[in-house]
Amino acid sequence: MEMKKISLELGNRAPEEVTELVFDNCLCVNGEIEGLKDTFKELEFLSMANVELSSLAQLPSLNKLRKWELSDNIISGGLEVLAEKCPNLTYLNLSGNKIKDLSTVEALMEMKMMKKKRKIKLVHWKDMRKRRRKRKRRMKMRMKMKMKQVQSWEREKRKWASNT
């Protein structure tokens, strides 16, 4: 993620004042988090869906971060960084990533929130499958609607051609 995109998202606000950031569909450079610094001390919500993020290695300390959308990226491991860098995380969406087994997610069990018996909501594989099915159904419905539009357009053209 380029610093330019972060400055556009900030607008006229200082990083210390920001509580929410959304970077959905902004592609990362080399699959790493870049430009996000420790100065975002008040950040509580971060959305980085579909940014081609593959690593959390350069994640800064975000102590107040509670909700993080990381869906549809290419993360396959390295989640142990979250325990140290985001101690107050209560919601994490990892759907659509390259996580293949539960041992990758086990690192999250060491987080303080799990020790305090607070629940972390992880969107898991069943939810991902449901979302994909819904997405496919929506695509089919859109295609049907487009086909109906094309068919009605063809009928109108025929009517117009027969009237002239």
N, C-alpha and C. Protein backbone atom coordinates (compact mmCIF):
# COMPACT_ATOMS: atom_id res chain seq x y z
N MET A 1 0.83 -1.15 0.00
CA MET A 1 0.00 0.00 0.00
C MET A 1 0.89 1.23 0.00
N GLU A 2 0.64 2.11 -0.90
CA GLU A 2 1.49 3.28 -1.03
C GLU A 2 1.11 4.35 -0.02
N MET A 3 2.08 5.12 0.37
CA MET A 3 1.86 6.22 1.32
C MET A 3 0.86 7.22 0.73
N LYS A 4 0.86 7.38 -0.59
CA LYS A 4 -0.05 8.31 -1.24
C LYS A 4 -1.51 7.92 -0.98
N LYS A 5 -1.81 6.63 -1.02
CA LYS A 5 -3.17 6.15 -0.78
C LYS A 5 -3.57 6.39 0.67
N ILE A 6 -2.63 6.23 1.59
CA ILE A 6 -2.92 6.48 3.00
C ILE A 6 -3.18 7.96 3.22
N SER A 7 -2.40 8.83 2.60
CA SER A 7 -2.61 10.27 2.78
C SER A 7 -3.94 10.70 2.16
N LEU A 8 -4.36 10.06 1.06
CA LEU A 8 -5.67 10.37 0.49
C LEU A 8 -6.80 9.96 1.44
N GLU A 9 -6.65 8.81 2.05
CA GLU A 9 -7.66 8.32 2.99
C GLU A 9 -7.73 9.21 4.24
N LEU A 10 -6.59 9.74 4.67
CA LEU A 10 -6.55 10.59 5.86
C LEU A 10 -7.23 11.94 5.63
N GLY A 11 -7.07 12.47 4.44
CA GLY A 11 -7.60 13.80 4.17
C GLY A 11 -6.83 14.83 4.96
N ASN A 12 -7.53 15.66 5.73
CA ASN A 12 -6.90 16.71 6.53
C ASN A 12 -6.65 16.29 7.97
N ARG A 13 -6.94 15.05 8.30
CA ARG A 13 -6.79 14.58 9.68
C ARG A 13 -5.36 14.12 9.95
N ALA A 14 -4.96 14.27 11.18
CA ALA A 14 -3.65 13.77 11.62
C ALA A 14 -3.79 12.28 11.92
N PRO A 15 -2.74 11.48 11.71
CA PRO A 15 -2.83 10.04 11.99
C PRO A 15 -3.24 9.71 13.42
N GLU A 16 -2.92 10.59 14.37
CA GLU A 16 -3.26 10.35 15.76
C GLU A 16 -4.76 10.46 16.04
N GLU A 17 -5.52 11.12 15.12
CA GLU A 17 -6.95 11.33 15.30
C GLU A 17 -7.80 10.26 14.63
N VAL A 18 -7.23 9.50 13.73
CA VAL A 18 -8.00 8.57 12.90
C VAL A 18 -8.42 7.34 13.70
N THR A 19 -9.71 7.00 13.61
CA THR A 19 -10.21 5.80 14.29
C THR A 19 -10.60 4.71 13.29
N GLU A 20 -10.83 5.07 12.03
CA GLU A 20 -11.22 4.10 11.01
C GLU A 20 -10.46 4.37 9.71
N LEU A 21 -9.99 3.30 9.08
CA LEU A 21 -9.35 3.39 7.76
C LEU A 21 -9.88 2.27 6.88
N VAL A 22 -10.17 2.60 5.62
CA VAL A 22 -10.65 1.60 4.66
C VAL A 22 -9.76 1.67 3.43
N PHE A 23 -9.10 0.54 3.14
CA PHE A 23 -8.22 0.44 1.98
C PHE A 23 -8.66 -0.68 1.04
N ASP A 24 -9.93 -1.00 1.01
CA ASP A 24 -10.42 -2.09 0.18
C ASP A 24 -10.04 -1.85 -1.29
N ASN A 25 -9.53 -2.88 -1.92
CA ASN A 25 -9.16 -2.91 -3.34
C ASN A 25 -7.97 -2.02 -3.70
N CYS A 26 -7.23 -1.48 -2.74
CA CYS A 26 -5.99 -0.75 -2.99
C CYS A 26 -4.85 -1.78 -2.94
N LEU A 27 -4.23 -2.05 -4.03
CA LEU A 27 -3.23 -3.11 -4.08
C LEU A 27 -1.97 -2.76 -3.30
N CYS A 28 -1.46 -3.75 -2.58
CA CYS A 28 -0.23 -3.61 -1.80
C CYS A 28 0.99 -3.76 -2.70
N VAL A 29 2.09 -3.17 -2.27
CA VAL A 29 3.36 -3.32 -2.96
C VAL A 29 4.06 -4.54 -2.37
N ASN A 30 4.39 -5.51 -3.16
CA ASN A 30 5.08 -6.74 -2.74
C ASN A 30 4.33 -7.52 -1.66
N GLY A 31 3.03 -7.33 -1.55
CA GLY A 31 2.24 -8.08 -0.58
C GLY A 31 2.48 -7.70 0.86
N GLU A 32 3.11 -6.56 1.10
CA GLU A 32 3.46 -6.11 2.45
C GLU A 32 2.65 -4.87 2.82
N ILE A 33 2.50 -4.66 4.12
CA ILE A 33 1.87 -3.45 4.62
C ILE A 33 2.94 -2.36 4.63
N GLU A 34 2.70 -1.30 3.87
CA GLU A 34 3.65 -0.19 3.83
C GLU A 34 2.89 1.11 4.06
N GLY A 35 3.50 2.02 4.77
CA GLY A 35 2.90 3.32 5.00
C GLY A 35 2.06 3.40 6.26
N LEU A 36 1.61 2.29 6.78
CA LEU A 36 0.85 2.27 8.02
C LEU A 36 1.86 2.25 9.16
N LYS A 37 1.84 3.28 9.98
CA LYS A 37 2.87 3.46 11.02
C LYS A 37 2.27 3.41 12.42
N ASP A 38 3.16 3.43 13.41
CA ASP A 38 2.76 3.43 14.82
C ASP A 38 2.02 4.69 15.23
N THR A 39 2.02 5.71 14.37
CA THR A 39 1.36 6.98 14.70
C THR A 39 -0.16 6.86 14.72
N PHE A 40 -0.70 5.79 14.20
CA PHE A 40 -2.16 5.58 14.20
C PHE A 40 -2.56 4.97 15.55
N LYS A 41 -2.41 5.74 16.59
CA LYS A 41 -2.61 5.25 17.96
C LYS A 41 -4.07 5.03 18.31
N GLU A 42 -4.99 5.74 17.67
CA GLU A 42 -6.42 5.65 18.00
C GLU A 42 -7.19 4.76 17.02
N LEU A 43 -6.52 4.10 16.11
CA LEU A 43 -7.18 3.29 15.09
C LEU A 43 -7.91 2.10 15.71
N GLU A 44 -9.23 2.02 15.47
CA GLU A 44 -10.04 0.94 16.02
C GLU A 44 -10.58 0.01 14.96
N PHE A 45 -10.76 0.51 13.73
CA PHE A 45 -11.29 -0.30 12.63
C PHE A 45 -10.40 -0.13 11.41
N LEU A 46 -10.01 -1.26 10.82
CA LEU A 46 -9.17 -1.24 9.63
C LEU A 46 -9.71 -2.26 8.64
N SER A 47 -9.94 -1.82 7.42
CA SER A 47 -10.43 -2.72 6.39
C SER A 47 -9.42 -2.76 5.24
N MET A 48 -8.90 -3.94 4.98
CA MET A 48 -7.94 -4.15 3.90
C MET A 48 -8.38 -5.36 3.09
N ALA A 49 -9.60 -5.34 2.60
CA ALA A 49 -10.14 -6.44 1.82
C ALA A 49 -9.66 -6.34 0.38
N ASN A 50 -9.23 -7.47 -0.16
CA ASN A 50 -8.81 -7.57 -1.57
C ASN A 50 -7.70 -6.58 -1.92
N VAL A 51 -6.62 -6.59 -1.14
CA VAL A 51 -5.48 -5.72 -1.42
C VAL A 51 -4.23 -6.53 -1.80
N GLU A 52 -4.39 -7.84 -1.97
CA GLU A 52 -3.29 -8.75 -2.30
C GLU A 52 -2.21 -8.76 -1.22
N LEU A 53 -2.63 -8.70 0.02
CA LEU A 53 -1.71 -8.74 1.16
C LEU A 53 -1.30 -10.19 1.42
N SER A 54 0.00 -10.43 1.51
CA SER A 54 0.47 -11.81 1.73
C SER A 54 1.21 -11.97 3.05
N SER A 55 1.59 -10.86 3.68
CA SER A 55 2.38 -10.94 4.90
C SER A 55 1.99 -9.84 5.88
N LEU A 56 2.02 -10.18 7.15
CA LEU A 56 1.76 -9.20 8.21
C LEU A 56 3.06 -8.84 8.93
N ALA A 57 4.19 -9.16 8.34
CA ALA A 57 5.50 -8.97 8.98
C ALA A 57 5.78 -7.51 9.32
N GLN A 58 5.37 -6.57 8.49
CA GLN A 58 5.66 -5.16 8.73
C GLN A 58 4.50 -4.43 9.42
N LEU A 59 3.68 -5.16 10.12
CA LEU A 59 2.55 -4.58 10.83
C LEU A 59 3.04 -3.74 12.00
N PRO A 60 2.62 -2.46 12.08
CA PRO A 60 3.01 -1.64 13.23
C PRO A 60 2.15 -1.99 14.45
N SER A 61 2.51 -1.49 15.60
CA SER A 61 1.71 -1.70 16.81
C SER A 61 0.44 -0.87 16.72
N LEU A 62 -0.69 -1.57 16.76
CA LEU A 62 -2.00 -0.92 16.72
C LEU A 62 -2.77 -1.38 17.95
N ASN A 63 -2.44 -0.78 19.08
CA ASN A 63 -2.96 -1.24 20.38
C ASN A 63 -4.46 -1.11 20.53
N LYS A 64 -5.10 -0.15 19.88
CA LYS A 64 -6.54 0.05 20.04
C LYS A 64 -7.36 -0.62 18.93
N LEU A 65 -6.71 -1.27 18.00
CA LEU A 65 -7.42 -1.92 16.89
C LEU A 65 -8.30 -3.03 17.43
N ARG A 66 -9.60 -2.96 17.09
CA ARG A 66 -10.55 -3.97 17.56
C ARG A 66 -11.12 -4.80 16.42
N LYS A 67 -11.32 -4.18 15.28
CA LYS A 67 -11.95 -4.88 14.17
C LYS A 67 -11.08 -4.73 12.93
N TRP A 68 -10.78 -5.89 12.30
CA TRP A 68 -9.91 -5.87 11.12
C TRP A 68 -10.48 -6.79 10.05
N GLU A 69 -10.77 -6.21 8.91
CA GLU A 69 -11.25 -6.94 7.74
C GLU A 69 -10.05 -7.24 6.85
N LEU A 70 -9.72 -8.51 6.73
CA LEU A 70 -8.60 -8.94 5.89
C LEU A 70 -9.06 -9.96 4.84
N SER A 71 -10.30 -9.89 4.44
CA SER A 71 -10.84 -10.90 3.52
C SER A 71 -10.27 -10.75 2.11
N ASP A 72 -10.28 -11.86 1.39
CA ASP A 72 -9.88 -11.92 -0.02
C ASP A 72 -8.47 -11.41 -0.29
N ASN A 73 -7.52 -11.83 0.55
CA ASN A 73 -6.11 -11.55 0.34
C ASN A 73 -5.39 -12.87 0.08
N ILE A 74 -4.08 -12.88 0.14
CA ILE A 74 -3.32 -14.11 -0.11
C ILE A 74 -2.46 -14.48 1.09
N ILE A 75 -2.98 -14.23 2.28
CA ILE A 75 -2.28 -14.54 3.53
C ILE A 75 -2.35 -16.04 3.76
N SER A 76 -1.20 -16.66 4.03
CA SER A 76 -1.19 -18.10 4.30
C SER A 76 -0.58 -18.42 5.66
N GLY A 77 -0.03 -17.44 6.33
CA GLY A 77 0.59 -17.68 7.64
C GLY A 77 1.07 -16.38 8.26
N GLY A 78 1.83 -16.51 9.34
CA GLY A 78 2.41 -15.34 10.01
C GLY A 78 1.43 -14.60 10.89
N LEU A 79 0.39 -15.29 11.35
CA LEU A 79 -0.62 -14.63 12.18
C LEU A 79 -0.17 -14.42 13.62
N GLU A 80 0.95 -15.02 14.00
CA GLU A 80 1.44 -14.87 15.37
C GLU A 80 1.81 -13.42 15.69
N VAL A 81 2.06 -12.60 14.68
CA VAL A 81 2.38 -11.19 14.86
C VAL A 81 1.21 -10.45 15.49
N LEU A 82 0.00 -10.89 15.22
CA LEU A 82 -1.19 -10.20 15.72
C LEU A 82 -1.26 -10.17 17.24
N ALA A 83 -0.80 -11.24 17.88
CA ALA A 83 -0.85 -11.30 19.34
C ALA A 83 -0.06 -10.16 19.98
N GLU A 84 1.05 -9.82 19.39
CA GLU A 84 1.90 -8.77 19.94
C GLU A 84 1.47 -7.38 19.47
N LYS A 85 1.15 -7.24 18.20
CA LYS A 85 0.90 -5.93 17.61
C LYS A 85 -0.53 -5.42 17.80
N CYS A 86 -1.51 -6.32 17.91
CA CYS A 86 -2.92 -5.93 18.04
C CYS A 86 -3.56 -6.65 19.22
N PRO A 87 -3.19 -6.29 20.44
CA PRO A 87 -3.65 -7.03 21.61
C PRO A 87 -5.15 -6.92 21.90
N ASN A 88 -5.83 -5.89 21.40
CA ASN A 88 -7.25 -5.69 21.69
C ASN A 88 -8.17 -6.11 20.55
N LEU A 89 -7.66 -6.85 19.61
CA LEU A 89 -8.44 -7.29 18.46
C LEU A 89 -9.56 -8.23 18.91
N THR A 90 -10.81 -7.92 18.52
CA THR A 90 -11.94 -8.78 18.87
C THR A 90 -12.64 -9.36 17.65
N TYR A 91 -12.40 -8.81 16.47
CA TYR A 91 -13.01 -9.31 15.23
C TYR A 91 -11.95 -9.36 14.15
N LEU A 92 -11.81 -10.49 13.51
CA LEU A 92 -10.84 -10.65 12.44
C LEU A 92 -11.48 -11.49 11.34
N ASN A 93 -11.58 -10.93 10.16
CA ASN A 93 -12.15 -11.64 9.02
C ASN A 93 -11.02 -12.07 8.11
N LEU A 94 -10.78 -13.38 8.04
CA LEU A 94 -9.72 -13.95 7.21
C LEU A 94 -10.29 -14.75 6.04
N SER A 95 -11.55 -14.57 5.73
CA SER A 95 -12.15 -15.36 4.66
C SER A 95 -11.52 -15.02 3.31
N GLY A 96 -11.42 -16.00 2.46
CA GLY A 96 -10.87 -15.80 1.12
C GLY A 96 -9.36 -15.70 1.07
N ASN A 97 -8.67 -16.10 2.13
CA ASN A 97 -7.20 -16.10 2.13
C ASN A 97 -6.69 -17.50 1.80
N LYS A 98 -5.40 -17.68 1.78
CA LYS A 98 -4.78 -18.96 1.40
C LYS A 98 -4.48 -19.84 2.60
N ILE A 99 -5.22 -19.68 3.69
CA ILE A 99 -5.02 -20.48 4.89
C ILE A 99 -5.56 -21.88 4.63
N LYS A 100 -4.69 -22.89 4.81
CA LYS A 100 -5.07 -24.25 4.45
C LYS A 100 -5.42 -25.13 5.64
N ASP A 101 -4.87 -24.83 6.81
CA ASP A 101 -5.20 -25.66 7.97
C ASP A 101 -5.29 -24.82 9.24
N LEU A 102 -5.87 -25.41 10.25
CA LEU A 102 -6.12 -24.69 11.49
C LEU A 102 -4.85 -24.38 12.28
N SER A 103 -3.76 -25.07 12.03
CA SER A 103 -2.53 -24.79 12.77
C SER A 103 -2.05 -23.36 12.52
N THR A 104 -2.40 -22.79 11.37
CA THR A 104 -2.04 -21.41 11.07
C THR A 104 -2.78 -20.45 11.99
N VAL A 105 -4.02 -20.78 12.31
CA VAL A 105 -4.85 -19.91 13.12
C VAL A 105 -4.59 -20.12 14.61
N GLU A 106 -3.94 -21.21 14.98
CA GLU A 106 -3.68 -21.50 16.39
C GLU A 106 -2.86 -20.41 17.07
N ALA A 107 -2.07 -19.68 16.32
CA ALA A 107 -1.28 -18.59 16.89
C ALA A 107 -2.18 -17.55 17.54
N LEU A 108 -3.39 -17.41 17.06
CA LEU A 108 -4.31 -16.42 17.62
C LEU A 108 -4.81 -16.82 19.00
N MET A 109 -4.73 -18.09 19.33
CA MET A 109 -5.20 -18.56 20.62
C MET A 109 -4.35 -18.03 21.77
N GLU A 110 -3.15 -17.61 21.49
CA GLU A 110 -2.26 -17.09 22.52
C GLU A 110 -2.53 -15.62 22.84
N MET A 111 -3.42 -15.02 22.10
CA MET A 111 -3.69 -13.60 22.31
C MET A 111 -4.34 -13.37 23.67
N LYS A 112 -4.11 -12.20 24.22
CA LYS A 112 -4.64 -11.84 25.53
C LYS A 112 -6.14 -12.02 25.59
N MET A 113 -6.82 -11.66 24.51
CA MET A 113 -8.28 -11.72 24.54
C MET A 113 -8.77 -13.15 24.75
N MET A 114 -8.02 -14.13 24.26
CA MET A 114 -8.44 -15.51 24.46
C MET A 114 -8.17 -15.93 25.91
N LYS A 115 -7.10 -15.41 26.48
CA LYS A 115 -6.79 -15.73 27.87
C LYS A 115 -7.81 -15.12 28.81
N LYS A 116 -8.35 -13.95 28.43
CA LYS A 116 -9.36 -13.30 29.25
C LYS A 116 -10.75 -13.88 28.98
N LYS A 117 -10.81 -14.87 28.17
CA LYS A 117 -12.05 -15.55 27.80
C LYS A 117 -13.01 -14.65 27.04
N ARG A 118 -12.46 -13.63 26.38
CA ARG A 118 -13.28 -12.88 25.45
C ARG A 118 -13.24 -13.64 24.14
N LYS A 119 -14.25 -13.48 23.35
CA LYS A 119 -14.32 -14.26 22.12
C LYS A 119 -13.81 -13.43 20.96
N ILE A 120 -13.06 -14.07 20.11
CA ILE A 120 -12.66 -13.47 18.85
C ILE A 120 -13.46 -14.16 17.77
N LYS A 121 -14.02 -13.38 16.91
CA LYS A 121 -14.83 -13.96 15.84
C LYS A 121 -13.96 -14.11 14.61
N LEU A 122 -13.75 -15.33 14.22
CA LEU A 122 -13.02 -15.62 12.99
C LEU A 122 -14.01 -16.14 11.97
N VAL A 123 -14.07 -15.49 10.83
CA VAL A 123 -14.93 -15.98 9.76
C VAL A 123 -14.21 -17.16 9.16
N HIS A 124 -14.81 -18.32 9.22
CA HIS A 124 -14.09 -19.52 8.84
C HIS A 124 -14.52 -20.05 7.49
N TRP A 125 -14.03 -21.23 7.16
CA TRP A 125 -14.17 -21.79 5.82
C TRP A 125 -15.62 -22.01 5.42
N LYS A 126 -16.50 -22.43 6.33
CA LYS A 126 -17.89 -22.63 5.97
C LYS A 126 -18.50 -21.32 5.50
N ASP A 127 -18.19 -20.24 6.22
CA ASP A 127 -18.70 -18.93 5.82
C ASP A 127 -18.15 -18.53 4.46
N MET A 128 -16.88 -18.86 4.20
CA MET A 128 -16.30 -18.53 2.91
C MET A 128 -17.04 -19.26 1.80
N ARG A 129 -17.34 -20.54 2.03
CA ARG A 129 -18.06 -21.30 1.01
C ARG A 129 -19.45 -20.71 0.78
N LYS A 130 -20.12 -20.32 1.85
CA LYS A 130 -21.44 -19.72 1.72
C LYS A 130 -21.36 -18.43 0.91
N ARG A 131 -20.35 -17.61 1.22
CA ARG A 131 -20.19 -16.35 0.49
C ARG A 131 -19.93 -16.59 -0.99
N ARG A 132 -19.10 -17.58 -1.28
CA ARG A 132 -18.82 -17.88 -2.68
C ARG A 132 -20.08 -18.34 -3.40
N ARG A 133 -20.87 -19.19 -2.74
CA ARG A 133 -22.13 -19.65 -3.34
C ARG A 133 -23.07 -18.48 -3.59
N LYS A 134 -23.17 -17.59 -2.61
CA LYS A 134 -24.04 -16.42 -2.77
C LYS A 134 -23.55 -15.56 -3.93
N ARG A 135 -22.23 -15.38 -4.01
CA ARG A 135 -21.65 -14.58 -5.08
C ARG A 135 -21.96 -15.22 -6.44
N LYS A 136 -21.84 -16.56 -6.54
CA LYS A 136 -22.15 -17.25 -7.79
C LYS A 136 -23.62 -17.08 -8.15
N ARG A 137 -24.50 -17.21 -7.13
CA ARG A 137 -25.93 -17.04 -7.39
C ARG A 137 -26.23 -15.63 -7.89
N ARG A 138 -25.60 -14.63 -7.28
CA ARG A 138 -25.80 -13.26 -7.72
C ARG A 138 -25.34 -13.07 -9.16
N MET A 139 -24.19 -13.67 -9.48
CA MET A 139 -23.67 -13.56 -10.85
C MET A 139 -24.63 -14.20 -11.84
N LYS A 140 -25.18 -15.37 -11.48
CA LYS A 140 -26.14 -16.04 -12.35
C LYS A 140 -27.38 -15.18 -12.56
N MET A 141 -27.85 -14.58 -11.47
CA MET A 141 -29.03 -13.72 -11.57
C MET A 141 -28.76 -12.52 -12.47
N ARG A 142 -27.58 -11.93 -12.34
CA ARG A 142 -27.22 -10.79 -13.19
C ARG A 142 -27.18 -11.21 -14.66
N MET A 143 -26.61 -12.39 -14.92
CA MET A 143 -26.54 -12.88 -16.29
C MET A 143 -27.95 -13.13 -16.86
N LYS A 144 -28.83 -13.68 -16.02
CA LYS A 144 -30.21 -13.90 -16.47
C LYS A 144 -30.88 -12.58 -16.80
N MET A 145 -30.66 -11.59 -15.94
CA MET A 145 -31.26 -10.28 -16.18
C MET A 145 -30.73 -9.66 -17.47
N LYS A 146 -29.43 -9.80 -17.71
CA LYS A 146 -28.85 -9.26 -18.93
C LYS A 146 -29.40 -9.99 -20.15
N MET A 147 -29.57 -11.30 -20.04
CA MET A 147 -30.12 -12.07 -21.16
C MET A 147 -31.55 -11.64 -21.45
N LYS A 148 -32.34 -11.40 -20.40
CA LYS A 148 -33.71 -10.94 -20.59
C LYS A 148 -33.72 -9.57 -21.27
N GLN A 149 -32.81 -8.70 -20.87
CA GLN A 149 -32.73 -7.38 -21.49
C GLN A 149 -32.37 -7.49 -22.97
N VAL A 150 -31.41 -8.38 -23.27
CA VAL A 150 -31.01 -8.57 -24.67
C VAL A 150 -32.17 -9.14 -25.48
N GLN A 151 -32.88 -10.11 -24.91
CA GLN A 151 -34.01 -10.71 -25.61
C GLN A 151 -35.11 -9.68 -25.86
N SER A 152 -35.41 -8.86 -24.85
CA SER A 152 -36.45 -7.85 -25.05
C SER A 152 -36.00 -6.81 -26.07
N TRP A 153 -34.72 -6.49 -26.07
CA TRP A 153 -34.19 -5.55 -27.07
C TRP A 153 -34.32 -6.14 -28.47
N GLU A 154 -34.04 -7.43 -28.60
CA GLU A 154 -34.16 -8.09 -29.90
C GLU A 154 -35.62 -8.07 -30.36
N ARG A 155 -36.56 -8.33 -29.45
CA ARG A 155 -37.99 -8.29 -29.80
C ARG A 155 -38.39 -6.90 -30.27
N GLU A 156 -37.92 -5.87 -29.55
CA GLU A 156 -38.24 -4.50 -29.93
C GLU A 156 -37.67 -4.16 -31.30
N LYS A 157 -36.46 -4.64 -31.57
CA LYS A 157 -35.85 -4.38 -32.89
C LYS A 157 -36.68 -5.04 -33.98
N ARG A 158 -37.12 -6.29 -33.73
CA ARG A 158 -37.94 -6.99 -34.73
C ARG A 158 -39.26 -6.27 -34.97
N LYS A 159 -39.91 -5.83 -33.88
CA LYS A 159 -41.17 -5.12 -34.02
C LYS A 159 -40.97 -3.84 -34.82
N TRP A 160 -39.92 -3.12 -34.48
CA TRP A 160 -39.65 -1.87 -35.18
C TRP A 160 -39.34 -2.12 -36.65
N ALA A 161 -38.58 -3.19 -36.93
CA ALA A 161 -38.23 -3.51 -38.32
C ALA A 161 -39.46 -3.94 -39.11
N SER A 162 -40.40 -4.66 -38.48
CA SER A 162 -41.58 -5.10 -39.20
C SER A 162 -42.58 -3.95 -39.42
N ASN A 163 -42.53 -2.92 -38.58
CA ASN A 163 -43.43 -1.77 -38.73
C ASN A 163 -42.94 -0.78 -39.77
N THR A 164 -41.69 -0.84 -40.16
CA THR A 164 -41.16 0.13 -41.12
C THR A 164 -41.18 -0.37 -42.50
